[in-house]
């Protein structure tokens, strides 16, 4: 099958991968857009794993206010460059995470942050549900928050991590 420039452009628009990577994936899949997208996603995840140790000092602080001002959230989402921090996809991820914090009120970032006493008292499953990165995404029910972040790492090609978050609720201590 002939791979057209339009096909490469469409795949690039979906994945943000390089032109030559898109063309190579389409050639390998004989023009099957779905298979090519999967190949590029897997390649992106492999690249993301290599980049996970890289310093992410850029990013943004995303505010979110819910319930007519009754709940407020601030989320610090970090990336490697200010260029990525300005991308709409990055801002949308930050907004989704802020909404997640507002809706689910996580107590910890990840399971490693949960004290052993809490794990023993609450149980492993309950402790997992208290962790932002382990929670099922409220916007994408087929994945947890960490997988949502990993997919963006694969798409954007930079290390992304939640730096910290805080949630305020009117009347709560």
Foldseek 3Di string as FASTA:
>chain_A
DDDDPVLLVVLCVVQVDDSVLSVVLCVVVVNDSVSSNVVLLVVLLVLQVVQQPPDFDDADWDWDADDVRQKIKIWTKTWNDVVVNPDPVRNVLNVQLRVLCRVQVADEAALVPDDPVCCVVVPPVVSLSSHQQSHQRPVHNVHGSVVVQSSVCSRVVIHMDTPDMDMHGPPDD
